[in-house]
Amino acid sequence: AGPQNGASGRRRPRDAECRPFPRCPPMPGCELSVGTCSDMCPAAERAQREKERRLHRFEVVPGCRGDQPRADLQRARSTVWPAAGKPRPSPSQLRPPRVLLAAVRYLAGEVAERADASRAEVASFVADRLRAVRLDLALQSAGDAEAAVVLETALATLLAVVARLGPDAARGAVDPGLLQAQVQEGFGSLRRCFQGLFLLYNLASCGGFARDLQLPATLRAARPCAQPGVDSAFREGNTARLFRLLRTLSYLPSCAVCGHVACRRRALARLARALSTPKGQTLPLGFLVHLLALDGPEEARDLCQAHGLPLDGEEGVVFLRGLYREEELLCPGACQLLVDSKLRGRTLEEVIMAEEEDEVVDRPESEA
């Protein structure tokens, strides 16, 4: 049985909710068939990409060197889409849902956790291949339940990869805006069964809640019960309650909400207004680490120094009136405590492919 408080943010859709996006009856003569390509990339396309040397290094046979790298049959992914005015691909060029699901599992299990590439490169590659998965699915007549499973798994993979970007994203060949747009597009297809994650990703968004209110009451009641508390704490600026609730979320909800941890700067500004004196007073860094759910004293020191607050040795920060300053938003750290630690020894693929979470991380005794 899954957790009673629904903190995972994921739930299996009922039969009536499996439809990932509304479909109109096909026009006569325009019916779509199901893909029949059993390979990760059609043979003709693979040969063309090898000839034109358009293979990503993640797709090349390990150890293969030279001017003509060969594609690994287990790794190559279809990325060629029909241009405007071109005929639709034939069924032999489209991967059926089971192959698409295998492709997503490969991306989650073999690519997303690669240590020999920057997280920005990994995110760019995974996002591009997931777009190809969505397009293959849209160009065929797959069953609603099959399509929902593929789209759900793809969205969970993308959320995890985006959450792992960290501070090196600005130095890599990845556009955070495009990634965010792709995540929102994924939520648009699966809002009924991923509603909790959608609201956490769009924390304090009026548009998100407007869409939430359009759903039936039964679906609104099925969202994670921690989510309304997280949203209200975020809106009210209740830092202590917010980060206490964020600690209780499991892995995927934490990936969805991690983009909002930049509110730590707002919390630090309030502390500076409340505690700063002409002579200055010292606050232990350990208190900041606990209050803001930071990964350790080093991250706390970086945060304070970035805003002009002097340190008192290695263990304290001095709040002196007039010294706090607003600077450019720091890139978020790795979020080890709030995100990565919640894998709890499992691989990313194991978490993403799990149909439901069996436990809640550090469930609090009281939400107040």
Protein backbone atom coordinates (compact mmCIF):
# COMPACT_ATOMS: atom_id res chain seq x y z
CA ALA A 1 0.00 0.00 0.00
CA GLY A 2 1.16 3.54 -0.69
CA PRO A 3 1.61 6.23 1.94
CA GLN A 4 -1.53 7.48 3.58
CA ASN A 5 -0.58 11.10 3.25
CA GLY A 6 0.14 10.84 -0.48
CA ALA A 7 3.44 12.64 -0.09
CA SER A 8 4.94 11.08 -3.19
CA GLY A 9 2.91 13.39 -5.41
CA ARG A 10 2.28 10.53 -7.83
CA ARG A 11 -0.67 8.21 -8.03
CA ARG A 12 -1.79 5.70 -10.57
CA PRO A 13 -4.70 7.12 -12.58
CA ARG A 14 -8.01 5.35 -12.60
CA ASP A 15 -9.26 4.03 -15.92
CA ALA A 16 -11.38 7.14 -16.41
CA GLU A 17 -8.35 9.36 -15.82
CA CYS A 18 -5.82 7.61 -18.03
CA ARG A 19 -6.48 9.81 -21.06
CA PRO A 20 -3.28 11.89 -21.25
CA PHE A 21 -4.67 14.53 -23.59
CA PRO A 22 -8.01 15.12 -25.29
CA ARG A 23 -8.39 13.52 -28.68
CA CYS A 24 -10.82 14.44 -31.42
CA PRO A 25 -12.20 11.76 -33.74
CA PRO A 26 -9.80 11.38 -36.70
CA MET A 27 -10.82 12.76 -40.05
CA PRO A 28 -11.66 10.16 -42.69
CA GLY A 29 -8.47 8.86 -44.26
CA CYS A 30 -6.30 10.35 -41.50
CA GLU A 31 -6.46 7.52 -38.99
CA LEU A 32 -3.16 6.89 -37.17
CA SER A 33 -1.64 3.46 -36.82
CA VAL A 34 0.61 2.12 -34.07
CA GLY A 35 4.37 2.23 -34.53
CA THR A 36 6.17 -1.01 -35.37
CA CYS A 37 9.86 -0.06 -35.04
CA SER A 38 11.36 -2.37 -32.43
CA ASP A 39 14.75 -0.58 -32.40
CA MET A 40 15.55 2.54 -30.44
CA CYS A 41 16.27 4.28 -33.76
CA PRO A 42 15.08 3.21 -37.25
CA ALA A 43 17.85 1.53 -39.24
CA ALA A 44 17.75 4.01 -42.14
CA GLU A 45 17.94 7.00 -39.83
CA ARG A 46 20.73 5.40 -37.82
CA ALA A 47 22.78 4.79 -40.96
CA GLN A 48 22.22 8.37 -42.14
CA ARG A 49 23.24 9.82 -38.79
CA GLU A 50 26.39 7.66 -38.78
CA LYS A 51 27.26 8.82 -42.30
CA GLU A 52 26.69 12.49 -41.44
CA ARG A 53 28.44 12.09 -38.08
CA ARG A 54 25.46 13.40 -36.16
CA LEU A 55 25.74 10.94 -33.30
CA HIS A 56 25.96 12.27 -29.78
CA ARG A 57 28.83 10.79 -27.82
CA PHE A 58 26.30 9.10 -25.52
CA GLU A 59 25.06 7.12 -28.55
CA VAL A 60 28.39 5.85 -29.87
CA VAL A 61 29.58 2.29 -29.33
CA PRO A 62 31.92 2.37 -26.28
CA GLY A 63 35.56 2.43 -27.38
CA CYS A 64 34.72 3.25 -30.99
CA ARG A 65 37.09 5.86 -32.40
CA GLY A 66 37.88 7.27 -35.82
CA ASP A 67 36.18 9.37 -38.44
CA GLN A 68 33.14 7.12 -38.73
CA PRO A 69 31.80 6.32 -35.23
CA ARG A 70 29.20 3.59 -35.10
CA ALA A 71 25.89 3.93 -33.27
CA ASP A 72 25.22 1.65 -30.35
CA LEU A 73 21.96 -0.14 -31.16
CA GLN A 74 20.97 0.03 -27.51
CA ARG A 75 21.77 3.72 -27.16
CA ALA A 76 20.89 5.54 -30.38
CA ARG A 77 17.71 7.56 -30.14
CA SER A 78 15.42 8.90 -32.82
CA THR A 79 15.59 12.68 -33.04
CA VAL A 80 14.60 13.39 -36.68
CA TRP A 81 11.07 14.81 -36.83
CA PRO A 82 8.95 15.54 -39.93
CA ALA A 83 9.26 19.11 -41.17
CA ALA A 84 6.23 21.22 -42.06
CA GLY A 85 4.64 20.02 -45.27
CA LYS A 86 6.38 16.65 -45.18
CA PRO A 87 4.42 13.38 -45.00
CA ARG A 88 3.97 11.66 -41.67
CA PRO A 89 6.46 8.93 -40.83
CA SER A 90 5.39 5.40 -41.66
CA PRO A 91 4.62 2.98 -38.79
CA SER A 92 8.01 1.32 -39.38
CA GLN A 93 9.69 4.61 -38.40
CA LEU A 94 7.75 5.05 -35.16
CA ARG A 95 8.53 3.30 -31.90
CA PRO A 96 5.51 1.70 -30.20
CA PRO A 97 4.74 2.51 -26.54
CA ARG A 98 6.69 -0.45 -25.14
CA VAL A 99 9.86 0.64 -26.99
CA LEU A 100 9.30 4.26 -25.96
CA LEU A 101 9.01 3.17 -22.34
CA ALA A 102 12.24 1.22 -22.69
CA ALA A 103 13.88 4.35 -24.12
CA VAL A 104 12.77 6.42 -21.14
CA ARG A 105 13.99 3.75 -18.73
CA TYR A 106 17.36 3.76 -20.48
CA LEU A 107 17.59 7.54 -20.15
CA ALA A 108 16.72 7.35 -16.45
CA GLY A 109 18.98 4.42 -15.66
CA GLU A 110 22.00 4.87 -17.93
CA VAL A 111 22.21 8.54 -18.92
CA ALA A 112 20.75 10.67 -16.13
CA GLU A 113 23.32 9.50 -13.60
CA ARG A 114 26.42 9.60 -15.82
CA ALA A 115 29.48 10.86 -13.97
CA ASP A 116 31.63 11.46 -17.08
CA ALA A 117 29.62 14.47 -18.30
CA SER A 118 28.36 17.73 -16.88
CA ARG A 119 24.82 17.79 -15.61
CA ALA A 120 24.03 20.44 -18.20
CA GLU A 121 25.09 18.13 -21.05
CA VAL A 122 23.10 15.27 -19.54
CA ALA A 123 20.00 17.46 -19.14
CA SER A 124 20.25 18.72 -22.73
CA PHE A 125 20.58 15.19 -24.13
CA VAL A 126 17.80 13.71 -21.99
CA ALA A 127 15.40 16.57 -22.73
CA ASP A 128 16.00 16.27 -26.49
CA ARG A 129 15.38 12.52 -26.47
CA LEU A 130 12.27 12.89 -24.33
CA ARG A 131 10.88 15.37 -26.86
CA ALA A 132 11.38 12.67 -29.50
CA VAL A 133 9.51 10.19 -27.28
CA ARG A 134 6.57 12.56 -26.96
CA LEU A 135 6.50 13.18 -30.71
CA ASP A 136 6.64 9.47 -31.57
CA LEU A 137 3.70 8.97 -29.22
CA ALA A 138 1.70 11.84 -30.71
CA LEU A 139 2.15 10.53 -34.27
CA GLN A 140 0.55 7.16 -33.60
CA SER A 141 -2.69 5.76 -32.23
CA ALA A 142 -1.50 4.39 -28.89
CA GLY A 143 -3.92 3.33 -26.17
CA ASP A 144 -4.67 5.95 -23.54
CA ALA A 145 -3.35 3.85 -20.65
CA GLU A 146 -0.14 3.00 -22.53
CA ALA A 147 0.39 6.63 -23.49
CA ALA A 148 -0.19 7.77 -19.91
CA VAL A 149 2.49 5.41 -18.58
CA VAL A 150 5.06 6.62 -21.13
CA LEU A 151 4.27 10.31 -20.56
CA GLU A 152 4.24 9.93 -16.78
CA THR A 153 7.63 8.19 -16.77
CA ALA A 154 9.09 10.74 -19.18
CA LEU A 155 7.92 13.66 -17.05
CA ALA A 156 9.31 12.11 -13.86
CA THR A 157 12.67 11.60 -15.59
CA LEU A 158 12.75 15.19 -16.83
CA LEU A 159 11.87 16.55 -13.38
CA ALA A 160 14.72 14.60 -11.81
CA VAL A 161 17.24 15.71 -14.43
CA VAL A 162 16.24 19.37 -14.14
CA ALA A 163 16.50 19.18 -10.35
CA ARG A 164 20.06 17.88 -10.67
CA LEU A 165 21.28 20.75 -12.85
CA GLY A 166 22.69 22.80 -10.00
CA PRO A 167 25.09 25.71 -10.46
CA ASP A 168 26.88 24.35 -13.55
CA ALA A 169 23.77 24.86 -15.71
CA ALA A 170 24.78 28.42 -16.53
CA ARG A 171 28.05 27.17 -18.00
CA GLY A 172 26.60 24.41 -20.12
CA ALA A 173 24.82 24.19 -23.44
CA VAL A 174 21.34 24.03 -21.94
CA ASP A 175 18.55 26.60 -21.90
CA PRO A 176 16.72 26.56 -18.52
CA GLY A 177 13.78 28.35 -20.12
CA LEU A 178 13.32 25.61 -22.71
CA LEU A 179 13.59 22.95 -20.02
CA GLN A 180 10.93 24.70 -17.96
CA ALA A 181 8.65 24.97 -20.99
CA GLN A 182 9.06 21.25 -21.65
CA VAL A 183 8.21 20.40 -18.04
CA GLN A 184 5.07 22.56 -18.23
CA GLU A 185 4.10 20.85 -21.48
CA GLY A 186 4.48 17.49 -19.78
CA PHE A 187 2.25 18.58 -16.94
CA GLY A 188 -0.33 19.77 -19.46
CA SER A 189 -0.72 16.19 -20.69
CA LEU A 190 -0.85 14.59 -17.25
CA ARG A 191 -2.39 17.17 -14.95
CA ARG A 192 -5.03 14.79 -13.61
CA CYS A 193 -2.64 12.15 -12.30
CA PHE A 194 0.34 14.45 -11.61
CA GLN A 195 -1.63 17.30 -10.06
CA GLY A 196 0.38 17.32 -6.83
CA LEU A 197 3.69 17.64 -8.64
CA PHE A 198 2.23 20.29 -10.95
CA LEU A 199 1.25 22.48 -8.00
CA LEU A 200 4.60 22.04 -6.28
CA TYR A 201 6.46 22.93 -9.48
CA ASN A 202 4.26 26.03 -9.87
CA LEU A 203 4.29 26.97 -6.19
CA ALA A 204 2.23 30.09 -5.36
CA SER A 205 1.10 30.35 -8.98
CA CYS A 206 -2.39 31.76 -9.42
CA GLY A 207 -2.64 30.02 -12.79
CA GLY A 208 -1.78 26.67 -11.20
CA PHE A 209 -4.52 27.00 -8.63
CA ALA A 210 -7.02 28.21 -11.22
CA ARG A 211 -6.40 24.99 -13.16
CA ASP A 212 -6.63 23.02 -9.92
CA LEU A 213 -10.08 24.43 -9.21
CA GLN A 214 -11.27 23.29 -12.64
CA LEU A 215 -10.68 19.67 -11.70
CA PRO A 216 -13.38 17.52 -10.05
CA ALA A 217 -13.40 17.66 -6.25
CA THR A 218 -12.40 13.99 -6.05
CA LEU A 219 -9.20 14.68 -7.97
CA ARG A 220 -8.38 17.77 -5.92
CA ALA A 221 -8.79 15.73 -2.76
CA ALA A 222 -6.35 13.11 -4.08
CA ARG A 223 -3.38 15.49 -4.30
CA PRO A 224 -0.62 15.20 -1.67
CA CYS A 225 -1.87 16.62 1.62
CA ALA A 226 1.54 18.22 2.23
CA GLN A 227 1.18 20.41 -0.87
CA PRO A 228 -1.39 22.93 0.46
CA GLY A 229 0.76 23.41 3.56
CA VAL A 230 3.86 23.98 1.45
CA ASP A 231 2.06 26.52 -0.70
CA SER A 232 0.58 28.46 2.22
CA ALA A 233 3.92 28.53 4.06
CA PHE A 234 5.61 29.80 0.90
CA ARG A 235 2.99 32.51 0.36
CA GLU A 236 3.07 33.61 4.01
CA GLY A 237 6.86 33.66 4.23
CA ASN A 238 6.79 31.13 7.08
CA THR A 239 10.34 29.91 6.52
CA ALA A 240 10.54 27.50 9.44
CA ARG A 241 7.33 25.70 8.46
CA LEU A 242 8.16 25.73 4.75
CA PHE A 243 11.51 23.99 5.07
CA ARG A 244 10.18 21.62 7.71
CA LEU A 245 7.55 20.49 5.20
CA LEU A 246 10.06 20.30 2.34
CA ARG A 247 12.11 17.85 4.42
CA THR A 248 9.09 15.50 4.56
CA LEU A 249 8.54 15.30 0.80
CA SER A 250 9.76 12.23 -1.03
CA TYR A 251 12.09 12.34 -4.02
CA LEU A 252 9.95 13.34 -7.00
CA PRO A 253 7.99 16.07 -5.17
CA SER A 254 11.32 17.40 -3.93
CA CYS A 255 12.57 17.54 -7.53
CA ALA A 256 9.42 19.46 -8.49
CA VAL A 257 9.74 22.07 -5.74
CA CYS A 258 13.51 22.50 -5.58
CA GLY A 259 13.44 25.45 -7.96
CA HIS A 260 11.79 27.49 -5.20
CA VAL A 261 14.52 27.10 -2.57
CA ALA A 262 15.83 30.48 -3.71
CA CYS A 263 13.35 31.87 -1.19
CA ARG A 264 16.20 31.39 1.30
CA ARG A 265 17.43 34.84 0.27
CA ARG A 266 14.07 36.35 1.21
CA ALA A 267 14.28 34.62 4.59
CA LEU A 268 17.81 35.91 5.16
CA ALA A 269 16.66 39.46 4.35
CA ARG A 270 13.93 39.22 7.00
CA LEU A 271 16.43 37.96 9.54
CA ALA A 272 18.74 40.87 8.71
CA ARG A 273 15.93 43.38 9.24
CA ALA A 274 14.92 41.80 12.53
CA LEU A 275 18.34 41.11 14.06
CA SER A 276 20.68 43.81 12.75
CA THR A 277 21.86 46.34 15.35
CA PRO A 278 24.37 49.22 15.26
CA LYS A 279 26.87 47.13 17.20
CA GLY A 280 25.97 43.86 15.53
CA GLN A 281 24.88 40.57 16.99
CA THR A 282 26.01 37.08 16.12
CA LEU A 283 23.83 34.16 15.06
CA PRO A 284 25.25 30.61 14.93
CA LEU A 285 25.62 29.30 11.40
CA GLY A 286 24.20 26.00 12.61
CA PHE A 287 20.90 27.75 13.25
CA LEU A 288 20.80 28.99 9.65
CA VAL A 289 21.70 25.54 8.34
CA HIS A 290 18.77 24.03 10.23
CA LEU A 291 16.27 26.83 9.54
CA LEU A 292 16.92 26.99 5.78
CA ALA A 293 17.64 23.27 5.27
CA LEU A 294 21.09 24.03 3.86
CA ASP A 295 23.60 21.31 3.06
CA GLY A 296 26.10 22.50 5.66
CA PRO A 297 28.02 25.43 7.16
CA GLU A 298 29.90 26.08 3.93
CA GLU A 299 26.70 26.77 2.00
CA ALA A 300 25.52 29.00 4.87
CA ARG A 301 28.77 30.98 4.78
CA ASP A 302 28.50 31.44 1.01
CA LEU A 303 24.94 32.67 1.32
CA CYS A 304 25.78 35.20 4.04
CA GLN A 305 28.91 36.53 2.35
CA ALA A 306 27.07 36.92 -0.95
CA HIS A 307 24.76 39.38 0.81
CA GLY A 308 27.46 41.34 2.63
CA LEU A 309 27.07 39.80 6.08
CA PRO A 310 30.43 39.36 7.87
CA LEU A 311 31.33 36.09 9.53
CA ASP A 312 32.36 35.59 13.14
CA GLY A 313 35.04 32.94 12.74
CA GLU A 314 33.82 29.66 11.24
CA GLU A 315 30.69 29.21 13.30
CA GLY A 316 28.75 32.49 13.26
CA VAL A 317 27.39 35.33 11.13
CA VAL A 318 27.16 38.93 12.31
CA PHE A 319 24.04 40.96 11.62
CA LEU A 320 25.26 44.56 11.54
CA ARG A 321 22.84 47.30 10.54
CA GLY A 322 23.33 48.61 7.02
CA LEU A 323 25.53 45.79 5.74
CA TYR A 324 22.94 43.48 4.19
CA ARG A 325 22.66 44.03 0.45
CA GLU A 326 20.62 42.48 -2.32
CA GLU A 327 22.77 40.78 -4.90
CA GLU A 328 22.12 38.66 -7.95
CA LEU A 329 20.38 35.43 -7.14
CA LEU A 330 22.89 32.72 -6.31
CA CYS A 331 22.71 29.53 -8.31
CA PRO A 332 21.17 26.85 -6.08
CA GLY A 333 23.52 24.25 -4.71
CA ALA A 334 23.21 20.53 -5.14
CA CYS A 335 20.28 20.31 -2.65
CA GLN A 336 21.75 17.19 -1.10
CA LEU A 337 19.50 17.36 1.96
CA LEU A 338 16.26 18.37 0.27
CA VAL A 339 16.59 16.26 -2.90
CA ASP A 340 19.48 13.83 -3.41
CA SER A 341 19.38 12.28 0.07
CA LYS A 342 15.82 11.11 -0.56
CA LEU A 343 16.94 8.54 -3.09
CA ARG A 344 17.95 6.57 0.01
CA GLY A 345 20.24 4.18 -1.83
CA ARG A 346 17.91 3.62 -4.79
CA THR A 347 18.80 4.40 -8.37
CA LEU A 348 16.97 7.09 -10.27
CA GLU A 349 15.40 4.45 -12.51
CA GLU A 350 14.06 2.54 -9.50
CA VAL A 351 12.41 5.65 -8.12
CA ILE A 352 10.92 6.75 -11.43
CA MET A 353 9.59 3.34 -12.39
CA ALA A 354 8.06 2.67 -8.98
CA GLU A 355 4.29 2.71 -9.25
CA GLU A 356 3.95 4.24 -5.82
CA GLU A 357 6.14 5.21 -2.87
CA ASP A 358 6.05 2.89 0.12
CA GLU A 359 7.36 5.33 2.66
CA VAL A 360 7.57 9.01 3.55
CA VAL A 361 10.87 10.65 4.41
CA ASP A 362 11.01 11.95 8.00
CA ARG A 363 7.28 12.32 8.43
CA PRO A 364 6.66 15.10 10.96
CA GLU A 365 4.57 14.55 14.07
CA SER A 366 2.79 17.85 13.53
CA GLU A 367 2.42 20.17 10.57
CA ALA A 368 1.87 23.27 12.68
